[in-house]
Amino acid sequence: MKIIRSKDYTADTAWGALDIAEMNGITTRLHWTDQPYIWHVNDGEEVFVVLDGAVDMHYKQAGDIQIVRLEIGDIFHATIGTEHVAHPVGEARLLVVETAGSV
């Protein structure tokens, strides 16, 4: 049993994470960041939920870069092969569900 107050979570470095659960090879992690990540493609699908703050999600679709602003409660689902990178607007707290060990 865990109760996690995501708004209170802060990491020592950008993209630091609190492991919440691993179920059948899928991890659920709470991330804190104030810096962009890197362009990447996950090993499987990824669900990315903004819990606090805002994030400009950059992703490639048919070779073109698209950018969408995600705000509290918004969900980004990266299907297999979706190249993407998250750019927080200030500080952000994010719930990420993905294959264990994915980038």
C-alpha atoms as a PDB file:
ATOM      1  CA  MET A   1       0.000   0.000   0.000  1.00  0.00           C
ATOM      2  CA  LYS A   2       1.386   3.387  -1.022  1.00  0.00           C
ATOM      3  CA  ILE A   3       0.018   6.903  -0.984  1.00  0.00           C
ATOM      4  CA  ILE A   4       2.106   9.251  -3.097  1.00  0.00           C
ATOM      5  CA  ARG A   5       1.565  12.992  -3.135  1.00  0.00           C
ATOM      6  CA  SER A   6       2.989  13.697  -6.589  1.00  0.00           C
ATOM      7  CA  LYS A   7       2.935  17.468  -6.134  1.00  0.00           C
ATOM      8  CA  ASP A   8       5.438  17.099  -3.253  1.00  0.00           C
ATOM      9  CA  TYR A   9       7.904  14.925  -5.204  1.00  0.00           C
ATOM     10  CA  THR A  10      11.193  16.481  -6.291  1.00  0.00           C
ATOM     11  CA  ALA A  11      14.270  14.662  -7.582  1.00  0.00           C
ATOM     12  CA  ASP A  12      17.929  15.602  -7.210  1.00  0.00           C
ATOM     13  CA  THR A  13      18.366  15.772 -10.995  1.00  0.00           C
ATOM     14  CA  ALA A  14      16.151  16.334 -14.006  1.00  0.00           C
ATOM     15  CA  TRP A  15      14.164  13.212 -14.914  1.00  0.00           C
ATOM     16  CA  GLY A  16      14.838  11.673 -11.516  1.00  0.00           C
ATOM     17  CA  ALA A  17      12.183   9.075 -10.784  1.00  0.00           C
ATOM     18  CA  LEU A  18      10.324   7.383  -7.981  1.00  0.00           C
ATOM     19  CA  ASP A  19       9.501   3.778  -8.872  1.00  0.00           C
ATOM     20  CA  ILE A  20       5.879   3.159  -7.995  1.00  0.00           C
ATOM     21  CA  ALA A  21       5.237  -0.329  -9.368  1.00  0.00           C
ATOM     22  CA  GLU A  22       6.411  -2.990 -11.806  1.00  0.00           C
ATOM     23  CA  MET A  23       3.695  -5.318 -13.037  1.00  0.00           C
ATOM     24  CA  ASN A  24       4.305  -8.007 -15.638  1.00  0.00           C
ATOM     25  CA  GLY A  25       7.287  -6.166 -17.126  1.00  0.00           C
ATOM     26  CA  ILE A  26       5.582  -2.761 -17.158  1.00  0.00           C
ATOM     27  CA  THR A  27       6.867   0.021 -14.895  1.00  0.00           C
ATOM     28  CA  THR A  28       4.976   2.957 -13.449  1.00  0.00           C
ATOM     29  CA  ARG A  29       7.233   5.804 -12.381  1.00  0.00           C
ATOM     30  CA  LEU A  30       6.792   9.342 -11.107  1.00  0.00           C
ATOM     31  CA  HIS A  31       9.281  11.741 -12.705  1.00  0.00           C
ATOM     32  CA  TRP A  32      10.248  15.277 -11.768  1.00  0.00           C
ATOM     33  CA  THR A  33      12.044  17.495 -14.244  1.00  0.00           C
ATOM     34  CA  ASP A  34      12.811  21.039 -15.215  1.00  0.00           C
ATOM     35  CA  GLN A  35      14.889  20.135 -18.288  1.00  0.00           C
ATOM     36  CA  PRO A  36      14.118  18.532 -21.667  1.00  0.00           C
ATOM     37  CA  TYR A  37      14.699  14.799 -22.146  1.00  0.00           C
ATOM     38  CA  ILE A  38      16.337  13.429 -25.313  1.00  0.00           C
ATOM     39  CA  TRP A  39      14.799  12.370 -28.622  1.00  0.00           C
ATOM     40  CA  HIS A  40      14.046   8.666 -28.295  1.00  0.00           C
ATOM     41  CA  VAL A  41      11.901   5.732 -29.338  1.00  0.00           C
ATOM     42  CA  ASN A  42      10.747   3.429 -26.548  1.00  0.00           C
ATOM     43  CA  ASP A  43      11.090  -0.351 -26.709  1.00  0.00           C
ATOM     44  CA  GLY A  44       7.297  -0.575 -26.551  1.00  0.00           C
ATOM     45  CA  GLU A  45       4.356   1.716 -25.992  1.00  0.00           C
ATOM     46  CA  GLU A  46       4.496   4.539 -23.445  1.00  0.00           C
ATOM     47  CA  VAL A  47       1.771   6.367 -21.560  1.00  0.00           C
ATOM     48  CA  PHE A  48       2.844   9.798 -20.308  1.00  0.00           C
ATOM     49  CA  VAL A  49       0.554  11.729 -17.929  1.00  0.00           C
ATOM     50  CA  VAL A  50       1.149  15.310 -16.771  1.00  0.00           C
ATOM     51  CA  LEU A  51       0.384  15.508 -13.050  1.00  0.00           C
ATOM     52  CA  ASP A  52       1.785  18.979 -12.362  1.00  0.00           C
ATOM     53  CA  GLY A  53       3.084  21.735 -14.639  1.00  0.00           C
ATOM     54  CA  ALA A  54       3.069  21.673 -18.422  1.00  0.00           C
ATOM     55  CA  VAL A  55       5.129  19.913 -21.086  1.00  0.00           C
ATOM     56  CA  ASP A  56       5.695  20.662 -24.747  1.00  0.00           C
ATOM     57  CA  MET A  57       5.779  17.210 -26.330  1.00  0.00           C
ATOM     58  CA  HIS A  58       7.706  17.091 -29.587  1.00  0.00           C
ATOM     59  CA  TYR A  59       7.087  14.050 -31.774  1.00  0.00           C
ATOM     60  CA  LYS A  60       7.677  13.002 -35.339  1.00  0.00           C
ATOM     61  CA  GLN A  61       4.752  12.087 -37.553  1.00  0.00           C
ATOM     62  CA  ALA A  62       5.408  11.151 -41.189  1.00  0.00           C
ATOM     63  CA  GLY A  63       8.876  12.702 -40.811  1.00  0.00           C
ATOM     64  CA  ASP A  64       7.570  16.081 -39.631  1.00  0.00           C
ATOM     65  CA  ILE A  65       8.078  17.414 -36.112  1.00  0.00           C
ATOM     66  CA  GLN A  66       4.832  18.192 -34.309  1.00  0.00           C
ATOM     67  CA  ILE A  67       4.585  19.985 -30.944  1.00  0.00           C
ATOM     68  CA  VAL A  68       1.664  19.822 -28.554  1.00  0.00           C
ATOM     69  CA  ARG A  69       1.380  21.487 -25.144  1.00  0.00           C
ATOM     70  CA  LEU A  70       0.306  18.997 -22.473  1.00  0.00           C
ATOM     71  CA  GLU A  71      -1.186  20.395 -19.288  1.00  0.00           C
ATOM     72  CA  ILE A  72      -2.305  18.865 -15.980  1.00  0.00           C
ATOM     73  CA  GLY A  73      -4.378  15.773 -16.649  1.00  0.00           C
ATOM     74  CA  ASP A  74      -3.330  15.440 -20.298  1.00  0.00           C
ATOM     75  CA  ILE A  75      -2.109  12.060 -21.545  1.00  0.00           C
ATOM     76  CA  PHE A  76       0.330  11.337 -24.378  1.00  0.00           C
ATOM     77  CA  HIS A  77       0.339   7.781 -25.751  1.00  0.00           C
ATOM     78  CA  ALA A  78       3.478   6.975 -27.729  1.00  0.00           C
ATOM     79  CA  THR A  79       2.759   4.008 -29.944  1.00  0.00           C
ATOM     80  CA  ILE A  80       5.564   1.660 -30.955  1.00  0.00           C
ATOM     81  CA  GLY A  81       8.050   3.552 -33.123  1.00  0.00           C
ATOM     82  CA  THR A  82       6.959   7.072 -32.129  1.00  0.00           C
ATOM     83  CA  GLU A  83      10.074   9.240 -31.848  1.00  0.00           C
ATOM     84  CA  HIS A  84       9.483  11.931 -29.233  1.00  0.00           C
ATOM     85  CA  VAL A  85      10.996  14.248 -26.630  1.00  0.00           C
ATOM     86  CA  ALA A  86       9.402  16.068 -23.699  1.00  0.00           C
ATOM     87  CA  HIS A  87      10.262  19.706 -22.929  1.00  0.00           C
ATOM     88  CA  PRO A  88       8.854  20.831 -19.581  1.00  0.00           C
ATOM     89  CA  VAL A  89       7.683  24.416 -19.224  1.00  0.00           C
ATOM     90  CA  GLY A  90       9.331  25.166 -15.881  1.00  0.00           C
ATOM     91  CA  GLU A  91       8.996  22.281 -13.414  1.00  0.00           C
ATOM     92  CA  ALA A  92       6.792  19.302 -14.198  1.00  0.00           C
ATOM     93  CA  ARG A  93       5.761  16.061 -12.522  1.00  0.00           C
ATOM     94  CA  LEU A  94       4.878  13.194 -14.792  1.00  0.00           C
ATOM     95  CA  LEU A  95       3.553   9.671 -14.486  1.00  0.00           C
ATOM     96  CA  VAL A  96       5.178   7.386 -17.054  1.00  0.00           C
ATOM     97  CA  VAL A  97       4.013   3.834 -17.759  1.00  0.00           C
ATOM     98  CA  GLU A  98       6.283   1.818 -20.051  1.00  0.00           C
ATOM     99  CA  THR A  99       8.151  -1.440 -20.577  1.00  0.00           C
ATOM    100  CA  ALA A 100      10.699  -2.034 -17.806  1.00  0.00           C
ATOM    101  CA  GLY A 101      14.169  -0.850 -18.839  1.00  0.00           C
ATOM    102  CA  SER A 102      12.900   1.275 -21.726  1.00  0.00           C
ATOM    103  CA  VAL A 103      14.737   4.494 -22.569  1.00  0.00           C
END
